Structures are given as structure tokens and as C-alpha cells.
Amino acid sequence: MTTLLAVTAALAGGYLLGRWRPAQRASDWAHWELYGKQSNRRQLRWWAREAVFLCEVVVLLATRPRQTVHAWRHRHDPPAPRSAPITFTPARDPNWADRTDKEA
């Protein structure tokens, strides 16, 4: 009976955490702090924001290590060169006027 109660409590707790999404809320707050308000290293919220970002990087390295390292190494690469523009040069048709008169 104790095992059943523990499993039920764990499932209920997991469901509630999934609905509340504290990690998503913390990430949204950290990004809002980074791009919204200006803070410096003397403030506690700067250090809290950096801790949230550190947790995000650790989770990314744990779940997708190759993609994370590749993105980190290539984050300052210049953009790919653009292709040449498509140019259209219309061909001159000397019989254009003759064809338009016959069609009408």
C-alpha cells in the first residue's frame, strides 16, 4: 500500500510540475532580464539569471552534446555568401508586331 501511495504521489507531483513548468518560467524570466532590464554583476538578479543560463547549457550538453558543441563553435561564423541575382534579359522579337495583329 505504501508503494502504491508513493507511486501515486510521484505521478501527481510530476503532473503538477509539468503543468506549472518551472524551468520554462525561469528561462523566460532570465531572457526577459537579459533583454529587458539592465542589471550589473553587483545585483543578485544578474547572478540568478546567469545560474539559469548555466542550467540551460548543462541540460543542452547532457541531452544534445554534439549539436550544442557544433552550435557553440560556429556561433560567430560569417553568413554564407549569397548567390548571384537572377537576371532576365528579354529577347527582342522582330516579328512581334506582325503576330499581334493576326491574333486580334
PDB file of N, CA and C in Angstrom:
ATOM      1  N   MET A   1       0.816  -1.200   0.000  1.00  0.00           N
ATOM      2  CA  MET A   1       0.000   0.000   0.000  1.00  0.00           C
ATOM      3  C   MET A   1       0.860   1.263   0.000  1.00  0.00           C
ATOM      4  N   THR A   2       1.980   1.208   0.722  1.00  0.00           N
ATOM      5  CA  THR A   2       2.881   2.355   0.773  1.00  0.00           C
ATOM      6  C   THR A   2       3.494   2.612  -0.603  1.00  0.00           C
ATOM      7  N   THR A   3       3.814   1.547  -1.328  1.00  0.00           N
ATOM      8  CA  THR A   3       4.393   1.691  -2.658  1.00  0.00           C
ATOM      9  C   THR A   3       3.385   2.324  -3.616  1.00  0.00           C
ATOM     10  N   LEU A   4       2.152   1.894  -3.528  1.00  0.00           N
ATOM     11  CA  LEU A   4       1.109   2.455  -4.381  1.00  0.00           C
ATOM     12  C   LEU A   4       0.903   3.930  -4.070  1.00  0.00           C
ATOM     13  N   LEU A   5       0.917   4.286  -2.796  1.00  0.00           N
ATOM     14  CA  LEU A   5       0.763   5.689  -2.410  1.00  0.00           C
ATOM     15  C   LEU A   5       1.955   6.522  -2.893  1.00  0.00           C
ATOM     16  N   ALA A   6       3.156   5.965  -2.802  1.00  0.00           N
ATOM     17  CA  ALA A   6       4.349   6.688  -3.255  1.00  0.00           C
ATOM     18  C   ALA A   6       4.326   6.885  -4.771  1.00  0.00           C
ATOM     19  N   VAL A   7       3.920   5.863  -5.513  1.00  0.00           N
ATOM     20  CA  VAL A   7       3.842   5.979  -6.974  1.00  0.00           C
ATOM     21  C   VAL A   7       2.779   6.999  -7.370  1.00  0.00           C
ATOM     22  N   THR A   8       1.637   6.956  -6.699  1.00  0.00           N
ATOM     23  CA  THR A   8       0.564   7.912  -6.994  1.00  0.00           C
ATOM     24  C   THR A   8       1.017   9.335  -6.679  1.00  0.00           C
ATOM     25  N   ALA A   9       1.703   9.524  -5.567  1.00  0.00           N
ATOM     26  CA  ALA A   9       2.192  10.867  -5.211  1.00  0.00           C
ATOM     27  C   ALA A   9       3.236  11.343  -6.211  1.00  0.00           C
ATOM     28  N   ALA A  10       4.104  10.429  -6.667  1.00  0.00           N
ATOM     29  CA  ALA A  10       5.119  10.810  -7.655  1.00  0.00           C
ATOM     30  C   ALA A  10       4.471  11.186  -8.984  1.00  0.00           C
ATOM     31  N   LEU A  11       3.482  10.425  -9.413  1.00  0.00           N
ATOM     32  CA  LEU A  11       2.780  10.759 -10.657  1.00  0.00           C
ATOM     33  C   LEU A  11       2.042  12.089 -10.549  1.00  0.00           C
ATOM     34  N   ALA A  12       1.386  12.313  -9.412  1.00  0.00           N
ATOM     35  CA  ALA A  12       0.674  13.580  -9.219  1.00  0.00           C
ATOM     36  C   ALA A  12       1.658  14.745  -9.177  1.00  0.00           C
ATOM     37  N   GLY A  13       2.777  14.565  -8.489  1.00  0.00           N
ATOM     38  CA  GLY A  13       3.794  15.621  -8.438  1.00  0.00           C
ATOM     39  C   GLY A  13       4.383  15.907  -9.806  1.00  0.00           C
ATOM     40  N   GLY A  14       4.653  14.857 -10.574  1.00  0.00           N
ATOM     41  CA  GLY A  14       5.166  15.052 -11.934  1.00  0.00           C
ATOM     42  C   GLY A  14       4.169  15.753 -12.824  1.00  0.00           C
ATOM     43  N   TYR A  15       2.896  15.393 -12.687  1.00  0.00           N
ATOM     44  CA  TYR A  15       1.864  16.063 -13.474  1.00  0.00           C
ATOM     45  C   TYR A  15       1.780  17.543 -13.116  1.00  0.00           C
ATOM     46  N   LEU A  16       1.795  17.845 -11.823  1.00  0.00           N
ATOM     47  CA  LEU A  16       1.711  19.245 -11.401  1.00  0.00           C
ATOM     48  C   LEU A  16       2.932  20.043 -11.852  1.00  0.00           C
ATOM     49  N   LEU A  17       4.121  19.451 -11.769  1.00  0.00           N
ATOM     50  CA  LEU A  17       5.314  20.147 -12.261  1.00  0.00           C
ATOM     51  C   LEU A  17       5.248  20.355 -13.770  1.00  0.00           C
ATOM     52  N   GLY A  18       4.689  19.385 -14.482  1.00  0.00           N
ATOM     53  CA  GLY A  18       4.538  19.528 -15.925  1.00  0.00           C
ATOM     54  C   GLY A  18       3.562  20.621 -16.293  1.00  0.00           C
ATOM     55  N   ARG A  19       2.537  20.810 -15.498  1.00  0.00           N
ATOM     56  CA  ARG A  19       1.576  21.880 -15.773  1.00  0.00           C
ATOM     57  C   ARG A  19       2.131  23.242 -15.370  1.00  0.00           C
ATOM     58  N   TRP A  20       2.889  23.285 -14.280  1.00  0.00           N
ATOM     59  CA  TRP A  20       3.414  24.551 -13.778  1.00  0.00           C
ATOM     60  C   TRP A  20       4.625  25.006 -14.582  1.00  0.00           C
ATOM     61  N   ARG A  21       5.434  24.067 -15.073  1.00  0.00           N
ATOM     62  CA  ARG A  21       6.620  24.290 -15.901  1.00  0.00           C
ATOM     63  C   ARG A  21       7.583  25.315 -15.295  1.00  0.00           C
ATOM     64  N   PRO A  22       8.158  25.015 -14.138  1.00  0.00           N
ATOM     65  CA  PRO A  22       9.042  25.993 -13.506  1.00  0.00           C
ATOM     66  C   PRO A  22      10.306  26.283 -14.321  1.00  0.00           C
ATOM     67  N   ALA A  23      10.826  25.298 -15.038  1.00  0.00           N
ATOM     68  CA  ALA A  23      12.034  25.542 -15.828  1.00  0.00           C
ATOM     69  C   ALA A  23      11.744  26.514 -16.970  1.00  0.00           C
ATOM     70  N   GLN A  24      10.608  26.358 -17.618  1.00  0.00           N
ATOM     71  CA  GLN A  24      10.240  27.274 -18.701  1.00  0.00           C
ATOM     72  C   GLN A  24      10.028  28.684 -18.163  1.00  0.00           C
ATOM     73  N   ARG A  25       9.394  28.792 -17.009  1.00  0.00           N
ATOM     74  CA  ARG A  25       9.176  30.108 -16.406  1.00  0.00           C
ATOM     75  C   ARG A  25      10.504  30.768 -16.031  1.00  0.00           C
ATOM     76  N   ALA A  26      11.430  29.983 -15.478  1.00  0.00           N
ATOM     77  CA  ALA A  26      12.735  30.536 -15.104  1.00  0.00           C
ATOM     78  C   ALA A  26      13.498  30.966 -16.353  1.00  0.00           C
ATOM     79  N   SER A  27      13.424  30.174 -17.417  1.00  0.00           N
ATOM     80  CA  SER A  27      14.107  30.535 -18.657  1.00  0.00           C
ATOM     81  C   SER A  27      13.518  31.801 -19.260  1.00  0.00           C
ATOM     82  N   ASP A  28      12.192  31.904 -19.278  1.00  0.00           N
ATOM     83  CA  ASP A  28      11.553  33.119 -19.795  1.00  0.00           C
ATOM     84  C   ASP A  28      11.955  34.336 -18.968  1.00  0.00           C
ATOM     85  N   TRP A  29      12.010  34.174 -17.648  1.00  0.00           N
ATOM     86  CA  TRP A  29      12.406  35.293 -16.791  1.00  0.00           C
ATOM     87  C   TRP A  29      13.848  35.710 -17.080  1.00  0.00           C
ATOM     88  N   ALA A  30      14.734  34.730 -17.238  1.00  0.00           N
ATOM     89  CA  ALA A  30      16.147  35.048 -17.477  1.00  0.00           C
ATOM     90  C   ALA A  30      16.318  35.782 -18.800  1.00  0.00           C
ATOM     91  N   HIS A  31      15.630  35.349 -19.837  1.00  0.00           N
ATOM     92  CA  HIS A  31      15.731  36.039 -21.114  1.00  0.00           C
ATOM     93  C   HIS A  31      15.123  37.440 -21.031  1.00  0.00           C
ATOM     94  N   TRP A  32      14.061  37.584 -20.279  1.00  0.00           N
ATOM     95  CA  TRP A  32      13.466  38.906 -20.099  1.00  0.00           C
ATOM     96  C   TRP A  32      14.423  39.822 -19.351  1.00  0.00           C
ATOM     97  N   GLU A  33      15.104  39.276 -18.347  1.00  0.00           N
ATOM     98  CA  GLU A  33      16.094  40.064 -17.613  1.00  0.00           C
ATOM     99  C   GLU A  33      17.253  40.466 -18.522  1.00  0.00           C
ATOM    100  N   LEU A  34      17.664  39.579 -19.412  1.00  0.00           N
ATOM    101  CA  LEU A  34      18.811  39.867 -20.276  1.00  0.00           C
ATOM    102  C   LEU A  34      18.474  40.963 -21.275  1.00  0.00           C
ATOM    103  N   TYR A  35      17.311  40.873 -21.909  1.00  0.00           N
ATOM    104  CA  TYR A  35      16.988  41.806 -22.978  1.00  0.00           C
ATOM    105  C   TYR A  35      16.079  42.943 -22.538  1.00  0.00           C
ATOM    106  N   GLY A  36      15.461  42.837 -21.387  1.00  0.00           N
ATOM    107  CA  GLY A  36      14.549  43.880 -20.932  1.00  0.00           C
ATOM    108  C   GLY A  36      15.230  44.880 -20.014  1.00  0.00           C
ATOM    109  N   LYS A  37      15.516  44.444 -18.815  1.00  0.00           N
ATOM    110  CA  LYS A  37      16.127  45.320 -17.817  1.00  0.00           C
ATOM    111  C   LYS A  37      17.645  45.256 -17.913  1.00  0.00           C
ATOM    112  N   GLN A  38      18.275  46.311 -17.518  1.00  0.00           N
ATOM    113  CA  GLN A  38      19.735  46.321 -17.477  1.00  0.00           C
ATOM    114  C   GLN A  38      20.175  46.105 -16.036  1.00  0.00           C
ATOM    115  N   SER A  39      20.983  45.101 -15.819  1.00  0.00           N
ATOM    116  CA  SER A  39      21.499  44.823 -14.482  1.00  0.00           C
ATOM    117  C   SER A  39      23.008  44.605 -14.585  1.00  0.00           C
ATOM    118  N   ASN A  40      23.669  44.718 -13.441  1.00  0.00           N
ATOM    119  CA  ASN A  40      25.117  44.513 -13.423  1.00  0.00           C
ATOM    120  C   ASN A  40      25.472  43.423 -12.420  1.00  0.00           C
ATOM    121  N   ARG A  41      26.740  43.103 -12.326  1.00  0.00           N
ATOM    122  CA  ARG A  41      27.187  41.970 -11.517  1.00  0.00           C
ATOM    123  C   ARG A  41      27.023  42.200 -10.019  1.00  0.00           C
ATOM    124  N   ARG A  42      26.748  43.400  -9.631  1.00  0.00           N
ATOM    125  CA  ARG A  42      26.562  43.651  -8.206  1.00  0.00           C
ATOM    126  C   ARG A  42      25.158  43.322  -7.725  1.00  0.00           C
ATOM    127  N   GLN A  43      24.279  43.015  -8.656  1.00  0.00           N
ATOM    128  CA  GLN A  43      22.898  42.730  -8.278  1.00  0.00           C
ATOM    129  C   GLN A  43      22.650  41.222  -8.238  1.00  0.00           C
ATOM    130  N   LEU A  44      21.799  40.818  -7.317  1.00  0.00           N
ATOM    131  CA  LEU A  44      21.505  39.407  -7.142  1.00  0.00           C
ATOM    132  C   LEU A  44      20.794  38.831  -8.364  1.00  0.00           C
ATOM    133  N   ARG A  45      19.952  39.610  -9.020  1.00  0.00           N
ATOM    134  CA  ARG A  45      19.209  39.075 -10.172  1.00  0.00           C
ATOM    135  C   ARG A  45      20.138  38.767 -11.344  1.00  0.00           C
ATOM    136  N   TRP A  46      21.272  39.467 -11.465  1.00  0.00           N
ATOM    137  CA  TRP A  46      22.237  39.136 -12.517  1.00  0.00           C
ATOM    138  C   TRP A  46      22.797  37.746 -12.279  1.00  0.00           C
ATOM    139  N   TRP A  47      23.169  37.452 -11.030  1.00  0.00           N
ATOM    140  CA  TRP A  47      23.728  36.143 -10.703  1.00  0.00           C
ATOM    141  C   TRP A  47      22.674  35.049 -10.837  1.00  0.00           C
ATOM    142  N   ALA A  48      21.433  35.341 -10.488  1.00  0.00           N
ATOM    143  CA  ALA A  48      20.359  34.354 -10.652  1.00  0.00           C
ATOM    144  C   ALA A  48      20.128  34.073 -12.134  1.00  0.00           C
ATOM    145  N   ARG A  49      20.164  35.115 -12.941  1.00  0.00           N
ATOM    146  CA  ARG A  49      19.991  34.949 -14.386  1.00  0.00           C
ATOM    147  C   ARG A  49      21.108  34.087 -14.969  1.00  0.00           C
ATOM    148  N   GLU A  50      22.325  34.328 -14.552  1.00  0.00           N
ATOM    149  CA  GLU A  50      23.442  33.536 -15.051  1.00  0.00           C
ATOM    150  C   GLU A  50      23.344  32.079 -14.596  1.00  0.00           C
ATOM    151  N   ALA A  51      22.842  31.841 -13.401  1.00  0.00           N
ATOM    152  CA  ALA A  51      22.643  30.467 -12.937  1.00  0.00           C
ATOM    153  C   ALA A  51      21.597  29.747 -13.783  1.00  0.00           C
ATOM    154  N   VAL A  52      20.544  30.460 -14.173  1.00  0.00           N
ATOM    155  CA  VAL A  52      19.520  29.859 -15.041  1.00  0.00           C
ATOM    156  C   VAL A  52      20.124  29.531 -16.397  1.00  0.00           C
ATOM    157  N   PHE A  53      20.905  30.437 -16.949  1.00  0.00           N
ATOM    158  CA  PHE A  53      21.555  30.167 -18.239  1.00  0.00           C
ATOM    159  C   PHE A  53      22.538  29.001 -18.139  1.00  0.00           C
ATOM    160  N   LEU A  54      23.253  28.909 -17.033  1.00  0.00           N
ATOM    161  CA  LEU A  54      24.170  27.783 -16.834  1.00  0.00           C
ATOM    162  C   LEU A  54      23.399  26.461 -16.805  1.00  0.00           C
ATOM    163  N   CYS A  55      22.268  26.443 -16.138  1.00  0.00           N
ATOM    164  CA  CYS A  55      21.448  25.227 -16.112  1.00  0.00           C
ATOM    165  C   CYS A  55      20.961  24.871 -17.505  1.00  0.00           C
ATOM    166  N   GLU A  56      20.592  25.877 -18.302  1.00  0.00           N
ATOM    167  CA  GLU A  56      20.156  25.610 -19.668  1.00  0.00           C
ATOM    168  C   GLU A  56      21.282  24.985 -20.491  1.00  0.00           C
ATOM    169  N   VAL A  57      22.481  25.503 -20.350  1.00  0.00           N
ATOM    170  CA  VAL A  57      23.618  24.973 -21.109  1.00  0.00           C
ATOM    171  C   VAL A  57      23.945  23.556 -20.650  1.00  0.00           C
ATOM    172  N   VAL A  58      23.873  23.299 -19.358  1.00  0.00           N
ATOM    173  CA  VAL A  58      24.144  21.948 -18.847  1.00  0.00           C
ATOM    174  C   VAL A  58      23.113  20.962 -19.384  1.00  0.00           C
ATOM    175  N   VAL A  59      21.843  21.357 -19.409  1.00  0.00           N
ATOM    176  CA  VAL A  59      20.805  20.468 -19.939  1.00  0.00           C
ATOM    177  C   VAL A  59      21.032  20.228 -21.427  1.00  0.00           C
ATOM    178  N   LEU A  60      21.386  21.273 -22.174  1.00  0.00           N
ATOM    179  CA  LEU A  60      21.651  21.091 -23.598  1.00  0.00           C
ATOM    180  C   LEU A  60      22.846  20.176 -23.832  1.00  0.00           C
ATOM    181  N   LEU A  61      23.902  20.353 -23.043  1.00  0.00           N
ATOM    182  CA  LEU A  61      25.072  19.478 -23.192  1.00  0.00           C
ATOM    183  C   LEU A  61      24.758  18.039 -22.795  1.00  0.00           C
ATOM    184  N   ALA A  62      23.855  17.854 -21.850  1.00  0.00           N
ATOM    185  CA  ALA A  62      23.507  16.500 -21.423  1.00  0.00           C
ATOM    186  C   ALA A  62      22.572  15.815 -22.414  1.00  0.00           C
ATOM    187  N   THR A  63      21.690  16.574 -23.040  1.00  0.00           N
ATOM    188  CA  THR A  63      20.701  15.954 -23.916  1.00  0.00           C
ATOM    189  C   THR A  63      21.116  15.945 -25.380  1.00  0.00           C
ATOM    190  N   ARG A  64      21.812  16.980 -25.858  1.00  0.00           N
ATOM    191  CA  ARG A  64      22.228  17.065 -27.263  1.00  0.00           C
ATOM    192  C   ARG A  64      23.666  17.572 -27.329  1.00  0.00           C
ATOM    193  N   PRO A  65      24.637  16.766 -26.929  1.00  0.00           N
ATOM    194  CA  PRO A  65      26.009  17.272 -26.828  1.00  0.00           C
ATOM    195  C   PRO A  65      26.621  17.659 -28.166  1.00  0.00           C
ATOM    196  N   ARG A  66      26.442  16.854 -29.208  1.00  0.00           N
ATOM    197  CA  ARG A  66      27.083  17.166 -30.485  1.00  0.00           C
ATOM    198  C   ARG A  66      26.507  18.438 -31.104  1.00  0.00           C
ATOM    199  N   GLN A  67      25.190  18.571 -31.082  1.00  0.00           N
ATOM    200  CA  GLN A  67      24.572  19.749 -31.678  1.00  0.00           C
ATOM    201  C   GLN A  67      24.925  21.016 -30.895  1.00  0.00           C
ATOM    202  N   THR A  68      24.991  20.890 -29.566  1.00  0.00           N
ATOM    203  CA  THR A  68      25.316  22.049 -28.738  1.00  0.00           C
ATOM    204  C   THR A  68      26.749  22.506 -28.975  1.00  0.00           C
ATOM    205  N   VAL A  69      27.689  21.574 -29.016  1.00  0.00           N
ATOM    206  CA  VAL A  69      29.093  21.943 -29.248  1.00  0.00           C
ATOM    207  C   VAL A  69      29.259  22.510 -30.656  1.00  0.00           C
ATOM    208  N   HIS A  70      28.579  21.928 -31.642  1.00  0.00           N
ATOM    209  CA  HIS A  70      28.675  22.445 -33.008  1.00  0.00           C
ATOM    210  C   HIS A  70      28.127  23.875 -33.082  1.00  0.00           C
ATOM    211  N   ALA A  71      26.980  24.113 -32.447  1.00  0.00           N
ATOM    212  CA  ALA A  71      26.407  25.462 -32.452  1.00  0.00           C
ATOM    213  C   ALA A  71      27.315  26.449 -31.727  1.00  0.00           C
ATOM    214  N   TRP A  72      27.946  26.008 -30.636  1.00  0.00           N
ATOM    215  CA  TRP A  72      28.825  26.895 -29.882  1.00  0.00           C
ATOM    216  C   TRP A  72      30.077  27.245 -30.703  1.00  0.00           C
ATOM    217  N   ARG A  73      30.632  26.266 -31.431  1.00  0.00           N
ATOM    218  CA  ARG A  73      31.839  26.532 -32.212  1.00  0.00           C
ATOM    219  C   ARG A  73      31.569  27.430 -33.410  1.00  0.00           C
ATOM    220  N   HIS A  74      30.380  27.368 -33.956  1.00  0.00           N
ATOM    221  CA  HIS A  74      30.085  28.099 -35.182  1.00  0.00           C
ATOM    222  C   HIS A  74      29.173  29.293 -34.959  1.00  0.00           C
ATOM    223  N   ARG A  75      29.087  29.802 -33.748  1.00  0.00           N
ATOM    224  CA  ARG A  75      28.164  30.892 -33.468  1.00  0.00           C
ATOM    225  C   ARG A  75      28.620  32.222 -34.064  1.00  0.00           C
ATOM    226  N   HIS A  76      29.907  32.380 -34.364  1.00  0.00           N
ATOM    227  CA  HIS A  76      30.399  33.639 -34.917  1.00  0.00           C
ATOM    228  C   HIS A  76      30.837  33.509 -36.371  1.00  0.00           C
ATOM    229  N   ASP A  77      30.449  32.448 -37.023  1.00  0.00           N
ATOM    230  CA  ASP A  77      30.804  32.287 -38.433  1.00  0.00           C
ATOM    231  C   ASP A  77      30.090  33.349 -39.277  1.00  0.00           C
ATOM    232  N   PRO A  78      30.752  33.812 -40.319  1.00  0.00           N
ATOM    233  CA  PRO A  78      30.068  34.767 -41.197  1.00  0.00           C
ATOM    234  C   PRO A  78      28.950  34.057 -41.957  1.00  0.00           C
ATOM    235  N   PRO A  79      27.943  34.798 -42.379  1.00  0.00           N
ATOM    236  CA  PRO A  79      26.863  34.152 -43.127  1.00  0.00           C
ATOM    237  C   PRO A  79      27.369  33.619 -44.462  1.00  0.00           C
ATOM    238  N   ALA A  80      26.655  32.658 -44.985  1.00  0.00           N
ATOM    239  CA  ALA A  80      27.031  32.057 -46.262  1.00  0.00           C
ATOM    240  C   ALA A  80      26.948  33.107 -47.370  1.00  0.00           C
ATOM    241  N   PRO A  81      27.822  33.027 -48.357  1.00  0.00           N
ATOM    242  CA  PRO A  81      27.755  34.013 -49.439  1.00  0.00           C
ATOM    243  C   PRO A  81      26.444  33.873 -50.209  1.00  0.00           C
ATOM    244  N   ARG A  82      25.932  34.996 -50.624  1.00  0.00           N
ATOM    245  CA  ARG A  82      24.682  34.993 -51.361  1.00  0.00           C
ATOM    246  C   ARG A  82      24.938  34.609 -52.809  1.00  0.00           C
ATOM    247  N   SER A  83      23.966  33.992 -53.407  1.00  0.00           N
ATOM    248  CA  SER A  83      24.107  33.604 -54.808  1.00  0.00           C
ATOM    249  C   SER A  83      23.922  34.834 -55.690  1.00  0.00           C
ATOM    250  N   ALA A  84      24.369  34.702 -56.919  1.00  0.00           N
ATOM    251  CA  ALA A  84      24.232  35.819 -57.860  1.00  0.00           C
ATOM    252  C   ALA A  84      22.756  36.038 -58.157  1.00  0.00           C
ATOM    253  N   PRO A  85      22.366  37.268 -58.342  1.00  0.00           N
ATOM    254  CA  PRO A  85      20.959  37.513 -58.632  1.00  0.00           C
ATOM    255  C   PRO A  85      20.573  36.953 -59.995  1.00  0.00           C
ATOM    256  N   ILE A  86      19.343  36.542 -60.080  1.00  0.00           N
ATOM    257  CA  ILE A  86      18.843  36.010 -61.343  1.00  0.00           C
ATOM    258  C   ILE A  86      18.497  37.198 -62.240  1.00  0.00           C
ATOM    259  N   THR A  87      19.132  37.220 -63.377  1.00  0.00           N
ATOM    260  CA  THR A  87      18.862  38.322 -64.309  1.00  0.00           C
ATOM    261  C   THR A  87      18.090  37.776 -65.496  1.00  0.00           C
ATOM    262  N   PHE A  88      17.173  38.563 -65.960  1.00  0.00           N
ATOM    263  CA  PHE A  88      16.367  38.163 -67.098  1.00  0.00           C
ATOM    264  C   PHE A  88      16.549  39.216 -68.180  1.00  0.00           C
ATOM    265  N   THR A  89      17.080  38.782 -69.292  1.00  0.00           N
ATOM    266  CA  THR A  89      17.254  39.683 -70.423  1.00  0.00           C
ATOM    267  C   THR A  89      16.244  39.284 -71.492  1.00  0.00           C
ATOM    268  N   PRO A  90      15.263  40.111 -71.712  1.00  0.00           N
ATOM    269  CA  PRO A  90      14.257  39.745 -72.717  1.00  0.00           C
ATOM    270  C   PRO A  90      14.862  39.731 -74.118  1.00  0.00           C
ATOM    271  N   ALA A  91      14.459  38.758 -74.875  1.00  0.00           N
ATOM    272  CA  ALA A  91      14.943  38.654 -76.254  1.00  0.00           C
ATOM    273  C   ALA A  91      14.058  39.517 -77.146  1.00  0.00           C
ATOM    274  N   ARG A  92      14.673  40.193 -78.064  1.00  0.00           N
ATOM    275  CA  ARG A  92      13.932  41.067 -78.980  1.00  0.00           C
ATOM    276  C   ARG A  92      13.400  40.223 -80.139  1.00  0.00           C
ATOM    277  N   ASP A  93      12.098  40.349 -80.357  1.00  0.00           N
ATOM    278  CA  ASP A  93      11.451  39.596 -81.430  1.00  0.00           C
ATOM    279  C   ASP A  93      11.072  40.578 -82.528  1.00  0.00           C
ATOM    280  N   PRO A  94      11.727  40.509 -83.690  1.00  0.00           N
ATOM    281  CA  PRO A  94      11.424  41.489 -84.746  1.00  0.00           C
ATOM    282  C   PRO A  94      10.029  41.303 -85.349  1.00  0.00           C
ATOM    283  N   ASN A  95       9.434  40.137 -85.229  1.00  0.00           N
ATOM    284  CA  ASN A  95       8.113  39.884 -85.810  1.00  0.00           C
ATOM    285  C   ASN A  95       6.980  40.025 -84.796  1.00  0.00           C
ATOM    286  N   TRP A  96       7.230  40.667 -83.716  1.00  0.00           N
ATOM    287  CA  TRP A  96       6.234  40.780 -82.653  1.00  0.00           C
ATOM    288  C   TRP A  96       4.984  41.514 -83.143  1.00  0.00           C
ATOM    289  N   ALA A  97       5.155  42.618 -83.815  1.00  0.00           N
ATOM    290  CA  ALA A  97       4.004  43.407 -84.279  1.00  0.00           C
ATOM    291  C   ALA A  97       3.171  42.622 -85.285  1.00  0.00           C
ATOM    292  N   ASP A  98       3.810  41.828 -86.152  1.00  0.00           N
ATOM    293  CA  ASP A  98       3.060  41.037 -87.135  1.00  0.00           C
ATOM    294  C   ASP A  98       2.206  39.973 -86.440  1.00  0.00           C
ATOM    295  N   ARG A  99       2.727  39.341 -85.401  1.00  0.00           N
ATOM    296  CA  ARG A  99       1.962  38.303 -84.717  1.00  0.00           C
ATOM    297  C   ARG A  99       0.807  38.876 -83.925  1.00  0.00           C
ATOM    298  N   THR A 100       0.951  40.006 -83.314  1.00  0.00           N
ATOM    299  CA  THR A 100      -0.128  40.579 -82.516  1.00  0.00           C
ATOM    300  C   THR A 100      -1.274  41.044 -83.388  1.00  0.00           C
ATOM    301  N   ASP A 101      -1.004  41.526 -84.598  1.00  0.00           N
ATOM    302  CA  ASP A 101      -2.086  41.954 -85.476  1.00  0.00           C
ATOM    303  C   ASP A 101      -2.924  40.762 -85.958  1.00  0.00           C
ATOM    304  N   LYS A 102      -2.299  39.641 -86.224  1.00  0.00           N
ATOM    305  CA  LYS A 102      -3.017  38.476 -86.732  1.00  0.00           C
ATOM    306  C   LYS A 102      -3.866  37.811 -85.650  1.00  0.00           C
ATOM    307  N   GLU A 103      -3.438  37.864 -84.374  1.00  0.00           N
ATOM    308  CA  GLU A 103      -4.179  37.225 -83.301  1.00  0.00           C
ATOM    309  C   GLU A 103      -5.427  38.004 -82.954  1.00  0.00           C
ATOM    310  N   ALA A 104      -5.419  39.282 -83.117  1.00  0.00           N
ATOM    311  CA  ALA A 104      -6.563  40.111 -82.706  1.00  0.00           C
ATOM    312  C   ALA A 104      -7.685  40.141 -83.689  1.00  0.00           C
TER     313      ALA A 104
END
